[in-house]
C-alpha cells in the first residue's frame, strides 16, 4: 500500500545549518528506502511565503497568497512510500529527520482508476 507522509514543522524550528544537515539525513533515508523498494518520491517544499491557494466558489476563482490556514506548523515536505501496513509506515515515519522538530502525518493513498500510470 502507498502512504503519503506529510512533514509539518515550524519553519523557524531549525537553524540553516540544522536544515542542511536534515536534508543530508533525509536523502540518506530516501536511499535506504529505495534499496528496500519502499521509496516512491520525496521532497522538501519552499517556505510557506511562496505558497498560493486557489479556491473556486460559485464558479469564480479566488487566488490568495500563502497557505489556506494559519497554523503553528506548516507543510514542509513529503515522502511517498510503499509499506505493507500502517505499522511499517509508522516505523518509517519515525526515521524521517524532521520528526525531531515537528510532526509526520501518515495518510494512506487512495488508488483510483483513470489516473496516468507512472
PDB file of N, CA and C in Angstrom:
ATOM      1  N   UNK A   1       0.838  -1.173   0.000  1.00  0.00           N
ATOM      2  CA  UNK A   1       0.000   0.000   0.000  1.00  0.00           C
ATOM      3  C   UNK A   1       0.886   1.240   0.000  1.00  0.00           C
ATOM      4  N   UNK A   2       0.431   2.270  -0.699  1.00  0.00           N
ATOM      5  CA  UNK A   2       1.156   3.538  -0.722  1.00  0.00           C
ATOM      6  C   UNK A   2       0.704   4.400   0.449  1.00  0.00           C
ATOM      7  N   UNK A   3       1.681   5.084   1.047  1.00  0.00           N
ATOM      8  CA  UNK A   3       1.412   6.027   2.129  1.00  0.00           C
ATOM      9  C   UNK A   3       2.093   7.355   1.812  1.00  0.00           C
ATOM     10  N   UNK A   4       1.357   8.446   2.024  1.00  0.00           N
ATOM     11  CA  UNK A   4       1.917   9.786   1.927  1.00  0.00           C
ATOM     12  C   UNK A   4       2.291  10.211   3.332  1.00  0.00           C
ATOM     13  N   UNK A   5       3.506  10.654   3.502  1.00  0.00           N
ATOM     14  CA  UNK A   5       3.983  11.134   4.787  1.00  0.00           C
ATOM     15  C   UNK A   5       4.194  12.635   4.646  1.00  0.00           C
ATOM     16  N   UNK A   6       3.349  13.401   5.301  1.00  0.00           N
ATOM     17  CA  UNK A   6       3.402  14.852   5.229  1.00  0.00           C
ATOM     18  C   UNK A   6       4.198  15.390   6.410  1.00  0.00           C
ATOM     19  N   UNK A   7       5.192  16.184   6.122  1.00  0.00           N
ATOM     20  CA  UNK A   7       6.102  16.707   7.134  1.00  0.00           C
ATOM     21  C   UNK A   7       5.642  18.109   7.532  1.00  0.00           C
ATOM     22  N   UNK A   8       5.223  18.254   8.793  1.00  0.00           N
ATOM     23  CA  UNK A   8       4.793  19.554   9.319  1.00  0.00           C
ATOM     24  C   UNK A   8       5.776  20.010  10.375  1.00  0.00           C
ATOM     25  N   UNK A   9       6.205  21.260  10.263  1.00  0.00           N
ATOM     26  CA  UNK A   9       7.062  21.821  11.293  1.00  0.00           C
ATOM     27  C   UNK A   9       7.034  23.333  11.216  1.00  0.00           C
ATOM     28  N   UNK A  10       7.407  23.962  12.293  1.00  0.00           N
ATOM     29  CA  UNK A  10       7.562  25.405  12.323  1.00  0.00           C
ATOM     30  C   UNK A  10       8.787  25.726  11.472  1.00  0.00           C
ATOM     31  N   UNK A  11       8.630  26.609  10.504  1.00  0.00           N
ATOM     32  CA  UNK A  11       9.749  26.920   9.605  1.00  0.00           C
ATOM     33  C   UNK A  11      10.952  27.498  10.335  1.00  0.00           C
ATOM     34  N   UNK A  12      10.746  28.020  11.527  1.00  0.00           N
ATOM     35  CA  UNK A  12      11.844  28.600  12.305  1.00  0.00           C
ATOM     36  C   UNK A  12      12.437  27.604  13.304  1.00  0.00           C
ATOM     37  N   UNK A  13      11.989  26.352  13.270  1.00  0.00           N
ATOM     38  CA  UNK A  13      12.415  25.355  14.262  1.00  0.00           C
ATOM     39  C   UNK A  13      13.882  24.961  14.129  1.00  0.00           C
ATOM     40  N   UNK A  14      14.457  25.158  12.936  1.00  0.00           N
ATOM     41  CA  UNK A  14      15.842  24.752  12.708  1.00  0.00           C
ATOM     42  C   UNK A  14      16.664  25.927  12.208  1.00  0.00           C
ATOM     43  N   UNK A  15      17.934  25.915  12.591  1.00  0.00           N
ATOM     44  CA  UNK A  15      18.867  26.889  12.019  1.00  0.00           C
ATOM     45  C   UNK A  15      19.175  26.441  10.587  1.00  0.00           C
ATOM     46  N   UNK A  16      19.811  27.300   9.822  1.00  0.00           N
ATOM     47  CA  UNK A  16      20.157  26.938   8.437  1.00  0.00           C
ATOM     48  C   UNK A  16      21.087  25.724   8.417  1.00  0.00           C
ATOM     49  N   UNK A  17      22.037  25.657   9.351  1.00  0.00           N
ATOM     50  CA  UNK A  17      22.948  24.508   9.423  1.00  0.00           C
ATOM     51  C   UNK A  17      22.183  23.230   9.759  1.00  0.00           C
ATOM     52  N   UNK A  18      21.245  23.319  10.702  1.00  0.00           N
ATOM     53  CA  UNK A  18      20.423  22.147  11.049  1.00  0.00           C
ATOM     54  C   UNK A  18      19.579  21.707   9.858  1.00  0.00           C
ATOM     55  N   UNK A  19      19.047  22.682   9.117  1.00  0.00           N
ATOM     56  CA  UNK A  19      18.224  22.375   7.951  1.00  0.00           C
ATOM     57  C   UNK A  19      19.057  21.642   6.881  1.00  0.00           C
ATOM     58  N   UNK A  20      20.248  22.143   6.622  1.00  0.00           N
ATOM     59  CA  UNK A  20      21.127  21.500   5.634  1.00  0.00           C
ATOM     60  C   UNK A  20      21.474  20.071   6.059  1.00  0.00           C
ATOM     61  N   UNK A  21      21.764  19.889   7.346  1.00  0.00           N
ATOM     62  CA  UNK A  21      22.059  18.547   7.865  1.00  0.00           C
ATOM     63  C   UNK A  21      20.830  17.639   7.730  1.00  0.00           C
ATOM     64  N   UNK A  22      19.662  18.195   7.970  1.00  0.00           N
ATOM     65  CA  UNK A  22      18.413  17.446   7.838  1.00  0.00           C
ATOM     66  C   UNK A  22      18.217  16.985   6.392  1.00  0.00           C
ATOM     67  N   UNK A  23      18.560  17.847   5.416  1.00  0.00           N
ATOM     68  CA  UNK A  23      18.454  17.460   4.003  1.00  0.00           C
ATOM     69  C   UNK A  23      19.367  16.272   3.694  1.00  0.00           C
ATOM     70  N   UNK A  24      20.577  16.297   4.247  1.00  0.00           N
ATOM     71  CA  UNK A  24      21.527  15.194   4.022  1.00  0.00           C
ATOM     72  C   UNK A  24      20.979  13.905   4.629  1.00  0.00           C
ATOM     73  N   UNK A  25      20.504  13.990   5.878  1.00  0.00           N
ATOM     74  CA  UNK A  25      19.926  12.811   6.531  1.00  0.00           C
ATOM     75  C   UNK A  25      18.698  12.300   5.780  1.00  0.00           C
ATOM     76  N   UNK A  26      17.877  13.214   5.289  1.00  0.00           N
ATOM     77  CA  UNK A  26      16.671  12.827   4.554  1.00  0.00           C
ATOM     78  C   UNK A  26      17.027  12.120   3.254  1.00  0.00           C
ATOM     79  N   UNK A  27      18.050  12.604   2.572  1.00  0.00           N
ATOM     80  CA  UNK A  27      18.500  11.948   1.337  1.00  0.00           C
ATOM     81  C   UNK A  27      19.035  10.547   1.639  1.00  0.00           C
ATOM     82  N   UNK A  28      19.742  10.405   2.757  1.00  0.00           N
ATOM     83  CA  UNK A  28      20.240   9.088   3.149  1.00  0.00           C
ATOM     84  C   UNK A  28      19.083   8.142   3.427  1.00  0.00           C
ATOM     85  N   UNK A  29      18.050   8.617   4.125  1.00  0.00           N
ATOM     86  CA  UNK A  29      16.883   7.778   4.391  1.00  0.00           C
ATOM     87  C   UNK A  29      16.212   7.391   3.083  1.00  0.00           C
ATOM     88  N   UNK A  30      16.077   8.328   2.159  1.00  0.00           N
ATOM     89  CA  UNK A  30      15.473   8.020   0.854  1.00  0.00           C
ATOM     90  C   UNK A  30      16.267   6.936   0.129  1.00  0.00           C
ATOM     91  N   UNK A  31      17.593   6.992   0.211  1.00  0.00           N
ATOM     92  CA  UNK A  31      18.430   5.957  -0.408  1.00  0.00           C
ATOM     93  C   UNK A  31      18.185   4.594   0.238  1.00  0.00           C
ATOM     94  N   UNK A  32      18.083   4.572   1.574  1.00  0.00           N
ATOM     95  CA  UNK A  32      17.807   3.315   2.283  1.00  0.00           C
ATOM     96  C   UNK A  32      16.450   2.748   1.881  1.00  0.00           C
ATOM     97  N   UNK A  33      15.441   3.608   1.842  1.00  0.00           N
ATOM     98  CA  UNK A  33      14.101   3.159   1.447  1.00  0.00           C
ATOM     99  C   UNK A  33      14.099   2.676   0.005  1.00  0.00           C
ATOM    100  N   UNK A  34      14.862   3.339  -0.845  1.00  0.00           N
ATOM    101  CA  UNK A  34      14.944   2.939  -2.250  1.00  0.00           C
ATOM    102  C   UNK A  34      15.568   1.559  -2.394  1.00  0.00           C
ATOM    103  N   UNK A  35      16.599   1.297  -1.608  1.00  0.00           N
ATOM    104  CA  UNK A  35      17.244  -0.024  -1.696  1.00  0.00           C
ATOM    105  C   UNK A  35      16.305  -1.129  -1.232  1.00  0.00           C
ATOM    106  N   UNK A  36      15.353  -0.792  -0.363  1.00  0.00           N
ATOM    107  CA  UNK A  36      14.353  -1.755   0.092  1.00  0.00           C
ATOM    108  C   UNK A  36      13.072  -1.717  -0.733  1.00  0.00           C
ATOM    109  N   UNK A  37      13.102  -0.979  -1.854  1.00  0.00           N
ATOM    110  CA  UNK A  37      11.955  -0.863  -2.775  1.00  0.00           C
ATOM    111  C   UNK A  37      10.716  -0.256  -2.101  1.00  0.00           C
ATOM    112  N   UNK A  38      10.938   0.630  -1.126  1.00  0.00           N
ATOM    113  CA  UNK A  38       9.837   1.301  -0.441  1.00  0.00           C
ATOM    114  C   UNK A  38       9.718   2.767  -0.846  1.00  0.00           C
ATOM    115  N   UNK A  39      10.761   3.315  -1.449  1.00  0.00           N
ATOM    116  CA  UNK A  39      10.780   4.725  -1.825  1.00  0.00           C
ATOM    117  C   UNK A  39      10.033   4.938  -3.133  1.00  0.00           C
ATOM    118  N   UNK A  40       9.121   5.915  -3.136  1.00  0.00           N
ATOM    119  CA  UNK A  40       8.435   6.308  -4.363  1.00  0.00           C
ATOM    120  C   UNK A  40       8.776   7.744  -4.743  1.00  0.00           C
ATOM    121  N   UNK A  41       8.841   8.647  -3.760  1.00  0.00           N
ATOM    122  CA  UNK A  41       9.152  10.048  -4.023  1.00  0.00           C
ATOM    123  C   UNK A  41       9.312  10.776  -2.689  1.00  0.00           C
ATOM    124  N   UNK A  42      10.022  11.887  -2.702  1.00  0.00           N
ATOM    125  CA  UNK A  42      10.158  12.731  -1.517  1.00  0.00           C
ATOM    126  C   UNK A  42      10.726  14.069  -1.950  1.00  0.00           C
ATOM    127  N   UNK A  43      10.383  15.114  -1.208  1.00  0.00           N
ATOM    128  CA  UNK A  43      10.959  16.422  -1.479  1.00  0.00           C
ATOM    129  C   UNK A  43      10.565  17.413  -0.393  1.00  0.00           C
ATOM    130  N   UNK A  44      11.495  18.316  -0.050  1.00  0.00           N
ATOM    131  CA  UNK A  44      11.096  19.422   0.807  1.00  0.00           C
ATOM    132  C   UNK A  44      10.351  20.441  -0.049  1.00  0.00           C
ATOM    133  N   UNK A  45       9.611  21.315   0.609  1.00  0.00           N
ATOM    134  CA  UNK A  45       8.890  22.378  -0.088  1.00  0.00           C
ATOM    135  C   UNK A  45       9.537  23.722   0.218  1.00  0.00           C
ATOM    136  N   UNK A  46       9.376  24.671  -0.700  1.00  0.00           N
ATOM    137  CA  UNK A  46       9.841  26.031  -0.442  1.00  0.00           C
ATOM    138  C   UNK A  46       9.026  26.608   0.719  1.00  0.00           C
ATOM    139  N   UNK A  47       9.502  27.675   1.354  1.00  0.00           N
ATOM    140  CA  UNK A  47       8.798  28.258   2.505  1.00  0.00           C
ATOM    141  C   UNK A  47       7.343  28.608   2.198  1.00  0.00           C
ATOM    142  N   UNK A  48       6.544  28.629   3.243  1.00  0.00           N
ATOM    143  CA  UNK A  48       5.112  28.883   3.126  1.00  0.00           C
ATOM    144  C   UNK A  48       4.842  30.255   2.493  1.00  0.00           C
ATOM    145  N   UNK A  49       5.762  31.184   2.598  1.00  0.00           N
ATOM    146  CA  UNK A  49       5.585  32.512   1.991  1.00  0.00           C
ATOM    147  C   UNK A  49       5.476  32.420   0.468  1.00  0.00           C
ATOM    148  N   UNK A  50       5.937  31.312  -0.124  1.00  0.00           N
ATOM    149  CA  UNK A  50       5.861  31.149  -1.573  1.00  0.00           C
ATOM    150  C   UNK A  50       4.574  30.456  -2.005  1.00  0.00           C
ATOM    151  N   UNK A  51       3.734  30.066  -1.045  1.00  0.00           N
ATOM    152  CA  UNK A  51       2.513  29.312  -1.350  1.00  0.00           C
ATOM    153  C   UNK A  51       1.445  30.204  -1.978  1.00  0.00           C
ATOM    154  N   UNK A  52       0.634  29.584  -2.804  1.00  0.00           N
ATOM    155  CA  UNK A  52      -0.544  30.216  -3.386  1.00  0.00           C
ATOM    156  C   UNK A  52      -1.710  29.261  -3.190  1.00  0.00           C
ATOM    157  N   UNK A  53      -2.840  29.781  -2.744  1.00  0.00           N
ATOM    158  CA  UNK A  53      -4.026  28.947  -2.550  1.00  0.00           C
ATOM    159  C   UNK A  53      -5.083  29.337  -3.578  1.00  0.00           C
ATOM    160  N   UNK A  54      -5.750  28.331  -4.133  1.00  0.00           N
ATOM    161  CA  UNK A  54      -6.799  28.542  -5.136  1.00  0.00           C
ATOM    162  C   UNK A  54      -8.081  27.901  -4.635  1.00  0.00           C
ATOM    163  N   UNK A  55      -9.155  28.661  -4.685  1.00  0.00           N
ATOM    164  CA  UNK A  55     -10.479  28.154  -4.351  1.00  0.00           C
ATOM    165  C   UNK A  55     -11.426  28.575  -5.466  1.00  0.00           C
ATOM    166  N   UNK A  56     -12.428  27.762  -5.729  1.00  0.00           N
ATOM    167  CA  UNK A  56     -13.471  28.124  -6.680  1.00  0.00           C
ATOM    168  C   UNK A  56     -14.793  28.115  -5.923  1.00  0.00           C
ATOM    169  N   UNK A  57     -15.481  29.237  -5.930  1.00  0.00           N
ATOM    170  CA  UNK A  57     -16.766  29.381  -5.255  1.00  0.00           C
ATOM    171  C   UNK A  57     -17.742  30.020  -6.231  1.00  0.00           C
ATOM    172  N   UNK A  58     -18.883  29.402  -6.373  1.00  0.00           N
ATOM    173  CA  UNK A  58     -19.901  29.903  -7.300  1.00  0.00           C
ATOM    174  C   UNK A  58     -19.328  30.121  -8.697  1.00  0.00           C
ATOM    175  N   UNK A  59     -18.444  29.222  -9.116  1.00  0.00           N
ATOM    176  CA  UNK A  59     -17.870  29.292 -10.452  1.00  0.00           C
ATOM    177  C   UNK A  59     -16.784  30.333 -10.628  1.00  0.00           C
ATOM    178  N   UNK A  60     -16.388  31.017  -9.558  1.00  0.00           N
ATOM    179  CA  UNK A  60     -15.358  32.051  -9.645  1.00  0.00           C
ATOM    180  C   UNK A  60     -14.111  31.615  -8.896  1.00  0.00           C
ATOM    181  N   UNK A  61     -12.980  31.850  -9.538  1.00  0.00           N
ATOM    182  CA  UNK A  61     -11.689  31.508  -8.949  1.00  0.00           C
ATOM    183  C   UNK A  61     -11.237  32.602  -7.990  1.00  0.00           C
ATOM    184  N   UNK A  62     -10.773  32.178  -6.815  1.00  0.00           N
ATOM    185  CA  UNK A  62     -10.197  33.094  -5.838  1.00  0.00           C
ATOM    186  C   UNK A  62      -8.775  32.624  -5.554  1.00  0.00           C
ATOM    187  N   UNK A  63      -7.808  33.469  -5.845  1.00  0.00           N
ATOM    188  CA  UNK A  63      -6.398  33.136  -5.651  1.00  0.00           C
ATOM    189  C   UNK A  63      -5.856  34.038  -4.547  1.00  0.00           C
ATOM    190  N   UNK A  64      -5.235  33.422  -3.527  1.00  0.00           N
ATOM    191  CA  UNK A  64      -4.650  34.189  -2.435  1.00  0.00           C
ATOM    192  C   UNK A  64      -3.220  33.735  -2.189  1.00  0.00           C
ATOM    193  N   UNK A  65      -2.416  34.646  -1.684  1.00  0.00           N
ATOM    194  CA  UNK A  65      -1.046  34.304  -1.306  1.00  0.00           C
ATOM    195  C   UNK A  65      -1.077  33.523  -0.010  1.00  0.00           C
ATOM    196  N   UNK A  66      -0.137  32.610   0.122  1.00  0.00           N
ATOM    197  CA  UNK A  66       0.024  31.886   1.370  1.00  0.00           C
ATOM    198  C   UNK A  66      -0.842  30.647   1.469  1.00  0.00           C
ATOM    199  N   UNK A  67      -0.711  29.956   2.584  1.00  0.00           N
ATOM    200  CA  UNK A  67      -1.467  28.721   2.793  1.00  0.00           C
ATOM    201  C   UNK A  67      -2.930  29.022   3.103  1.00  0.00           C
ATOM    202  N   UNK A  68      -3.742  28.001   3.039  1.00  0.00           N
ATOM    203  CA  UNK A  68      -5.177  28.152   3.301  1.00  0.00           C
ATOM    204  C   UNK A  68      -5.433  28.527   4.749  1.00  0.00           C
ATOM    205  N   UNK A  69      -4.688  27.952   5.676  1.00  0.00           N
ATOM    206  CA  UNK A  69      -4.928  28.189   7.106  1.00  0.00           C
ATOM    207  C   UNK A  69      -3.637  28.618   7.789  1.00  0.00           C
ATOM    208  N   UNK A  70      -3.761  29.520   8.729  1.00  0.00           N
ATOM    209  CA  UNK A  70      -2.627  29.919   9.558  1.00  0.00           C
ATOM    210  C   UNK A  70      -2.486  28.916  10.694  1.00  0.00           C
ATOM    211  N   UNK A  71      -1.337  28.283  10.789  1.00  0.00           N
ATOM    212  CA  UNK A  71      -1.093  27.310  11.841  1.00  0.00           C
ATOM    213  C   UNK A  71       0.318  27.499  12.386  1.00  0.00           C
ATOM    214  N   UNK A  72       0.579  26.885  13.525  1.00  0.00           N
ATOM    215  CA  UNK A  72       1.917  26.969  14.120  1.00  0.00           C
ATOM    216  C   UNK A  72       2.928  26.180  13.289  1.00  0.00           C
ATOM    217  N   UNK A  73       2.493  25.037  12.767  1.00  0.00           N
ATOM    218  CA  UNK A  73       3.365  24.221  11.926  1.00  0.00           C
ATOM    219  C   UNK A  73       2.869  24.298  10.476  1.00  0.00           C
ATOM    220  N   UNK A  74       3.809  24.323   9.551  1.00  0.00           N
ATOM    221  CA  UNK A  74       3.476  24.390   8.140  1.00  0.00           C
ATOM    222  C   UNK A  74       3.917  23.112   7.435  1.00  0.00           C
ATOM    223  N   UNK A  75       3.254  22.818   6.316  1.00  0.00           N
ATOM    224  CA  UNK A  75       3.658  21.692   5.493  1.00  0.00           C
ATOM    225  C   UNK A  75       5.013  22.021   4.898  1.00  0.00           C
ATOM    226  N   UNK A  76       6.008  21.200   5.221  1.00  0.00           N
ATOM    227  CA  UNK A  76       7.371  21.492   4.801  1.00  0.00           C
ATOM    228  C   UNK A  76       7.933  20.519   3.784  1.00  0.00           C
ATOM    229  N   UNK A  77       7.252  19.399   3.564  1.00  0.00           N
ATOM    230  CA  UNK A  77       7.745  18.416   2.610  1.00  0.00           C
ATOM    231  C   UNK A  77       6.938  17.144   2.712  1.00  0.00           C
ATOM    232  N   UNK A  78       7.354  16.156   1.957  1.00  0.00           N
ATOM    233  CA  UNK A  78       6.615  14.895   1.940  1.00  0.00           C
ATOM    234  C   UNK A  78       7.520  13.735   1.544  1.00  0.00           C
ATOM    235  N   UNK A  79       7.080  12.569   1.885  1.00  0.00           N
ATOM    236  CA  UNK A  79       7.619  11.305   1.392  1.00  0.00           C
ATOM    237  C   UNK A  79       6.431  10.521   0.867  1.00  0.00           C
ATOM    238  N   UNK A  80       6.596   9.844  -0.239  1.00  0.00           N
ATOM    239  CA  UNK A  80       5.613   8.901  -0.745  1.00  0.00           C
ATOM    240  C   UNK A  80       6.296   7.548  -0.720  1.00  0.00           C
ATOM    241  N   UNK A  81       5.747   6.624   0.054  1.00  0.00           N
ATOM    242  CA  UNK A  81       6.411   5.339   0.265  1.00  0.00           C
ATOM    243  C   UNK A  81       5.460   4.186  -0.019  1.00  0.00           C
ATOM    244  N   UNK A  82       6.034   3.027  -0.098  1.00  0.00           N
ATOM    245  CA  UNK A  82       5.297   1.766  -0.191  1.00  0.00           C
ATOM    246  C   UNK A  82       5.573   1.026   1.116  1.00  0.00           C
ATOM    247  N   UNK A  83       4.516   0.593   1.792  1.00  0.00           N
ATOM    248  CA  UNK A  83       4.669  -0.156   3.046  1.00  0.00           C
ATOM    249  C   UNK A  83       3.594  -1.236   3.104  1.00  0.00           C
ATOM    250  N   UNK A  84       3.879  -2.298   3.829  1.00  0.00           N
ATOM    251  CA  UNK A  84       2.931  -3.400   3.947  1.00  0.00           C
ATOM    252  C   UNK A  84       1.688  -3.022   4.737  1.00  0.00           C
ATOM    253  N   UNK A  85       1.875  -2.147   5.743  1.00  0.00           N
ATOM    254  CA  UNK A  85       0.749  -1.776   6.603  1.00  0.00           C
ATOM    255  C   UNK A  85       1.107  -0.506   7.371  1.00  0.00           C
ATOM    256  N   UNK A  86       0.164  -0.024   8.157  1.00  0.00           N
ATOM    257  CA  UNK A  86       0.374   1.208   8.909  1.00  0.00           C
ATOM    258  C   UNK A  86       1.527   1.080   9.891  1.00  0.00           C
ATOM    259  N   UNK A  87       1.676  -0.071  10.530  1.00  0.00           N
ATOM    260  CA  UNK A  87       2.777  -0.243  11.486  1.00  0.00           C
ATOM    261  C   UNK A  87       4.131  -0.047  10.808  1.00  0.00           C
ATOM    262  N   UNK A  88       4.284  -0.599   9.613  1.00  0.00           N
ATOM    263  CA  UNK A  88       5.539  -0.427   8.885  1.00  0.00           C
ATOM    264  C   UNK A  88       5.713   1.046   8.492  1.00  0.00           C
ATOM    265  N   UNK A  89       4.635   1.710   8.087  1.00  0.00           N
ATOM    266  CA  UNK A  89       4.704   3.126   7.733  1.00  0.00           C
ATOM    267  C   UNK A  89       5.096   3.978   8.944  1.00  0.00           C
ATOM    268  N   UNK A  90       4.570   3.645  10.107  1.00  0.00           N
ATOM    269  CA  UNK A  90       4.931   4.365  11.331  1.00  0.00           C
ATOM    270  C   UNK A  90       6.421   4.194  11.618  1.00  0.00           C
ATOM    271  N   UNK A  91       6.931   2.992  11.424  1.00  0.00           N
ATOM    272  CA  UNK A  91       8.363   2.742  11.626  1.00  0.00           C
ATOM    273  C   UNK A  91       9.230   3.589  10.709  1.00  0.00           C
ATOM    274  N   UNK A  92       8.758   3.810   9.487  1.00  0.00           N
ATOM    275  CA  UNK A  92       9.494   4.670   8.548  1.00  0.00           C
ATOM    276  C   UNK A  92       9.346   6.133   8.970  1.00  0.00           C
ATOM    277  N   UNK A  93       8.138   6.541   9.344  1.00  0.00           N
ATOM    278  CA  UNK A  93       7.895   7.938   9.720  1.00  0.00           C
ATOM    279  C   UNK A  93       8.786   8.376  10.873  1.00  0.00           C
ATOM    280  N   UNK A  94       9.012   7.498  11.838  1.00  0.00           N
ATOM    281  CA  UNK A  94       9.835   7.902  12.974  1.00  0.00           C
ATOM    282  C   UNK A  94      11.298   8.081  12.588  1.00  0.00           C
ATOM    283  N   UNK A  95      11.687   7.584  11.415  1.00  0.00           N
ATOM    284  CA  UNK A  95      13.062   7.741  10.932  1.00  0.00           C
ATOM    285  C   UNK A  95      13.244   9.010  10.106  1.00  0.00           C
ATOM    286  N   UNK A  96      12.154   9.695   9.760  1.00  0.00           N
ATOM    287  CA  UNK A  96      12.248  10.917   8.964  1.00  0.00           C
ATOM    288  C   UNK A  96      12.825  12.021   9.855  1.00  0.00           C
ATOM    289  N   UNK A  97      13.984  12.586   9.478  1.00  0.00           N
ATOM    290  CA  UNK A  97      14.676  13.541  10.351  1.00  0.00           C
ATOM    291  C   UNK A  97      13.825  14.682  10.898  1.00  0.00           C
ATOM    292  N   UNK A  98      12.948  15.330  10.126  1.00  0.00           N
ATOM    293  CA  UNK A  98      12.167  16.427  10.703  1.00  0.00           C
ATOM    294  C   UNK A  98      11.189  15.998  11.800  1.00  0.00           C
ATOM    295  N   UNK A  99      10.996  14.709  12.007  1.00  0.00           N
ATOM    296  CA  UNK A  99      10.129  14.245  13.100  1.00  0.00           C
ATOM    297  C   UNK A  99      10.664  14.720  14.447  1.00  0.00           C
ATOM    298  N   UNK A 100      11.968  15.012  14.507  1.00  0.00           N
ATOM    299  CA  UNK A 100      12.575  15.512  15.746  1.00  0.00           C
ATOM    300  C   UNK A 100      12.170  16.952  16.039  1.00  0.00           C
ATOM    301  N   UNK A 101      11.661  17.664  15.020  1.00  0.00           N
ATOM    302  CA  UNK A 101      11.328  19.082  15.164  1.00  0.00           C
ATOM    303  C   UNK A 101       9.836  19.365  14.991  1.00  0.00           C
ATOM    304  N   UNK A 102       9.115  18.446  14.349  1.00  0.00           N
ATOM    305  CA  UNK A 102       7.717  18.695  14.031  1.00  0.00           C
ATOM    306  C   UNK A 102       6.895  17.423  14.087  1.00  0.00           C
ATOM    307  N   UNK A 103       6.020  17.266  13.119  1.00  0.00           N
ATOM    308  CA  UNK A 103       5.069  16.162  13.080  1.00  0.00           C
ATOM    309  C   UNK A 103       5.076  15.529  11.691  1.00  0.00           C
ATOM    310  N   UNK A 104       4.986  14.205  11.651  1.00  0.00           N
ATOM    311  CA  UNK A 104       4.823  13.494  10.389  1.00  0.00           C
ATOM    312  C   UNK A 104       3.406  12.936  10.364  1.00  0.00           C
ATOM    313  N   UNK A 105       2.601  13.401   9.428  1.00  0.00           N
ATOM    314  CA  UNK A 105       1.239  12.885   9.262  1.00  0.00           C
ATOM    315  C   UNK A 105       1.272  11.786   8.208  1.00  0.00           C
ATOM    316  N   UNK A 106       0.736  10.629   8.546  1.00  0.00           N
ATOM    317  CA  UNK A 106       0.720   9.480   7.633  1.00  0.00           C
ATOM    318  C   UNK A 106      -0.691   9.318   7.083  1.00  0.00           C
ATOM    319  N   UNK A 107      -0.801   9.267   5.759  1.00  0.00           N
ATOM    320  CA  UNK A 107      -2.110   9.093   5.134  1.00  0.00           C
ATOM    321  C   UNK A 107      -2.004   8.012   4.065  1.00  0.00           C
ATOM    322  N   UNK A 108      -2.871   6.988   4.115  1.00  0.00           N
ATOM    323  CA  UNK A 108      -2.901   6.014   3.030  1.00  0.00           C
ATOM    324  C   UNK A 108      -3.351   6.709   1.747  1.00  0.00           C
ATOM    325  N   UNK A 109      -2.740   6.320   0.640  1.00  0.00           N
ATOM    326  CA  UNK A 109      -3.070   6.900  -0.655  1.00  0.00           C
ATOM    327  C   UNK A 109      -4.162   6.060  -1.305  1.00  0.00           C
ATOM    328  N   UNK A 110      -5.231   6.708  -1.742  1.00  0.00           N
ATOM    329  CA  UNK A 110      -6.321   6.019  -2.434  1.00  0.00           C
ATOM    330  C   UNK A 110      -5.900   5.685  -3.851  1.00  0.00           C
ATOM    331  N   UNK A 111      -6.166   4.483  -4.243  1.00  0.00           N
ATOM    332  CA  UNK A 111      -5.910   4.057  -5.626  1.00  0.00           C
ATOM    333  C   UNK A 111      -7.233   4.190  -6.380  1.00  0.00           C
ATOM    334  N   UNK A 112      -7.263   5.030  -7.410  1.00  0.00           N
ATOM    335  CA  UNK A 112      -8.472   5.185  -8.216  1.00  0.00           C
ATOM    336  C   UNK A 112      -8.124   4.993  -9.681  1.00  0.00           C
ATOM    337  N   UNK A 113      -9.064   4.535 -10.435  1.00  0.00           N
ATOM    338  CA  UNK A 113      -8.854   4.320 -11.865  1.00  0.00           C
ATOM    339  C   UNK A 113      -8.842   5.630 -12.633  1.00  0.00           C
ATOM    340  N   UNK A 114      -8.295   5.573 -13.820  1.00  0.00           N
ATOM    341  CA  UNK A 114      -8.302   6.718 -14.719  1.00  0.00           C
ATOM    342  C   UNK A 114      -7.130   7.661 -14.580  1.00  0.00           C
ATOM    343  N   UNK A 115      -6.243   7.424 -13.603  1.00  0.00           N
ATOM    344  CA  UNK A 115      -5.072   8.278 -13.454  1.00  0.00           C
ATOM    345  C   UNK A 115      -3.951   7.781 -14.366  1.00  0.00           C
ATOM    346  N   UNK A 116      -3.085   8.675 -14.836  1.00  0.00           N
ATOM    347  CA  UNK A 116      -1.958   8.226 -15.671  1.00  0.00           C
ATOM    348  C   UNK A 116      -1.052   7.273 -14.891  1.00  0.00           C
ATOM    349  N   UNK A 117      -0.520   6.289 -15.574  1.00  0.00           N
ATOM    350  CA  UNK A 117       0.438   5.366 -14.948  1.00  0.00           C
ATOM    351  C   UNK A 117       1.791   6.046 -14.854  1.00  0.00           C
ATOM    352  N   UNK A 118       2.588   5.626 -13.869  1.00  0.00           N
ATOM    353  CA  UNK A 118       3.949   6.204 -13.713  1.00  0.00           C
ATOM    354  C   UNK A 118       4.801   5.906 -14.900  1.00  0.00           C
TER     355      UNK A 118
END
